[in-house]
Structure formats: C-alpha cells, structure tokens
Amino acid sequence: MYKVPVFTVGNYVFVSNNVKVPSGVEFCNPLYACDIDYANWELA
C-alpha cells in the first residue's frame, strides 16, 4: 500500500522589497509557538 499523508499544510511565500523585518526575528514552523514580531514590521 502506498503511503499517503493524512494531513498537510500548504505554505505560501510572498516576497517583497517593501517590507522591513526587524533584526533578531527567526522564522519557524507556524504549527509551533513562535514570535515573529509582526507589530514592529515596517511597510515602505
């Protein structure tokens, strides 16, 4: 029998030069608790 995943999470990656992310932000798996500090991001 083939192995078929029961649950998958789709990932979308948006790239823009108009967003400044604060230093020290580490991106991680969104299924776990992580702080990417959205409140301090700057839009140009």
Protein backbone atom coordinates (compact mmCIF):
# COMPACT_ATOMS: atom_id res chain seq x y z
CA MET A 1 0.00 0.00 0.00
CA TYR A 2 1.22 3.48 -0.82
CA LYS A 3 1.95 5.95 1.97
CA VAL A 4 -0.37 8.93 1.74
CA PRO A 5 -0.17 11.87 4.15
CA VAL A 6 -3.36 12.31 6.14
CA PHE A 7 -2.76 16.00 6.83
CA THR A 8 -0.57 18.55 5.06
CA VAL A 9 -0.19 22.28 5.48
CA GLY A 10 0.22 24.42 2.38
CA ASN A 11 2.87 27.11 2.51
CA TYR A 12 2.72 30.36 0.57
CA VAL A 13 5.81 32.52 0.28
CA PHE A 14 5.35 36.15 -0.65
CA VAL A 15 8.46 38.16 -1.46
CA SER A 16 8.60 41.94 -1.34
CA ASN A 17 11.30 44.59 -1.07
CA ASN A 18 8.78 46.93 0.60
CA VAL A 19 8.78 45.17 3.98
CA LYS A 20 11.45 45.67 6.62
CA VAL A 21 11.62 42.86 9.17
CA PRO A 22 13.28 43.74 12.50
CA SER A 23 16.64 42.15 13.23
CA GLY A 24 16.54 39.14 15.51
CA VAL A 25 13.32 37.70 14.04
CA GLU A 26 13.60 33.98 13.37
CA PHE A 27 11.00 32.34 11.16
CA CYS A 28 9.82 28.94 12.30
CA ASN A 29 7.15 26.34 11.73
CA PRO A 30 3.72 28.02 12.20
CA LEU A 31 2.36 24.89 13.90
CA TYR A 32 4.55 25.67 16.91
CA ALA A 33 4.59 28.76 19.11
CA CYS A 34 6.96 31.35 17.68
CA ASP A 35 7.13 35.13 17.85
CA ILE A 36 7.89 36.85 14.56
CA ASP A 37 7.07 40.31 15.99
CA TYR A 38 4.50 41.46 13.40
CA ALA A 39 3.86 44.65 15.37
CA ASN A 40 7.34 46.03 14.57
CA TRP A 41 7.45 45.26 10.84
CA GLU A 42 7.65 48.36 8.63
CA LEU A 43 5.99 48.81 5.24
CA ALA A 44 7.68 51.13 2.77
